[in-house]
Amino acid sequence: MELDLPKTIAVFALIIALGTVGLMTMPMGMGTDTILMMVVPSMAIFGAIMLALGVKHGEYRATN
């Protein structure tokens, strides 16, 4: 599977959306506003950092 920028963004957004829906449907004490205001941005930022590191590592592996 060739991953280009639109496919990568779509998969990234899908993973964040699935995580958000999963958190919102679980019976726990965290409110929806907490999930949307604190957890989702944290997931997105962490995911973006890991994606950038993964791309850079892939570029390193492809050149060496």
Protein backbone atom coordinates (compact mmCIF):
# COMPACT_ATOMS: atom_id res chain seq x y z
CA MET A 1 0.00 0.00 0.00
CA GLU A 2 1.45 3.31 -1.07
CA LEU A 3 0.93 5.96 1.60
CA ASP A 4 0.86 9.49 0.28
CA LEU A 5 -0.11 12.62 2.21
CA PRO A 6 -3.93 12.43 1.75
CA LYS A 7 -4.06 8.75 2.76
CA THR A 8 -1.79 9.37 5.74
CA ILE A 9 -3.95 12.27 6.96
CA ALA A 10 -7.12 10.22 6.47
CA VAL A 11 -5.76 7.26 8.47
CA PHE A 12 -4.43 9.60 11.16
CA ALA A 13 -7.83 11.32 11.50
CA LEU A 14 -9.61 7.95 11.53
CA ILE A 15 -7.43 6.65 14.37
CA ILE A 16 -8.00 9.82 16.43
CA ALA A 17 -11.76 9.64 15.73
CA LEU A 18 -11.95 5.96 16.75
CA GLY A 19 -10.07 6.71 19.96
CA THR A 20 -12.40 9.62 20.72
CA VAL A 21 -15.54 7.58 20.10
CA GLY A 22 -14.16 4.76 22.21
CA LEU A 23 -13.43 7.09 25.11
CA MET A 24 -16.84 8.76 24.87
CA THR A 25 -18.73 5.45 24.91
CA MET A 26 -16.85 3.91 27.84
CA PRO A 27 -18.58 4.15 31.21
CA MET A 28 -16.05 6.13 33.23
CA GLY A 29 -15.99 9.32 35.23
CA MET A 30 -14.45 11.53 32.54
CA GLY A 31 -16.88 13.99 31.00
CA THR A 32 -17.31 14.68 27.31
CA ASP A 33 -15.95 18.21 27.67
CA THR A 34 -12.79 16.85 29.32
CA ILE A 35 -12.30 14.32 26.55
CA LEU A 36 -12.79 16.86 23.77
CA MET A 37 -10.81 19.68 25.36
CA MET A 38 -7.89 17.79 26.88
CA VAL A 39 -7.57 14.19 25.69
CA VAL A 40 -8.23 14.59 21.95
CA PRO A 41 -5.70 17.42 21.48
CA SER A 42 -3.15 15.39 23.45
CA MET A 43 -3.77 12.34 21.24
CA ALA A 44 -3.45 14.46 18.09
CA ILE A 45 -0.22 16.14 19.20
CA PHE A 46 1.35 12.87 20.36
CA GLY A 47 0.27 11.17 17.12
CA ALA A 48 1.73 13.96 15.01
CA ILE A 49 5.06 13.75 16.84
CA MET A 50 5.19 9.96 16.44
CA LEU A 51 4.24 10.27 12.75
CA ALA A 52 7.05 12.77 12.16
CA LEU A 53 9.56 10.54 13.95
CA GLY A 54 8.37 7.54 11.95
CA VAL A 55 8.72 9.37 8.65
CA LYS A 56 12.22 10.54 9.54
CA HIS A 57 13.22 7.04 10.62
CA GLY A 58 11.83 5.65 7.37
CA GLU A 59 13.82 8.19 5.38
CA TYR A 60 16.95 7.23 7.33
CA ARG A 61 16.36 3.51 6.73
CA ALA A 62 15.73 4.09 3.02
CA THR A 63 19.00 5.97 2.51
CA ASN A 64 21.28 3.70 4.57
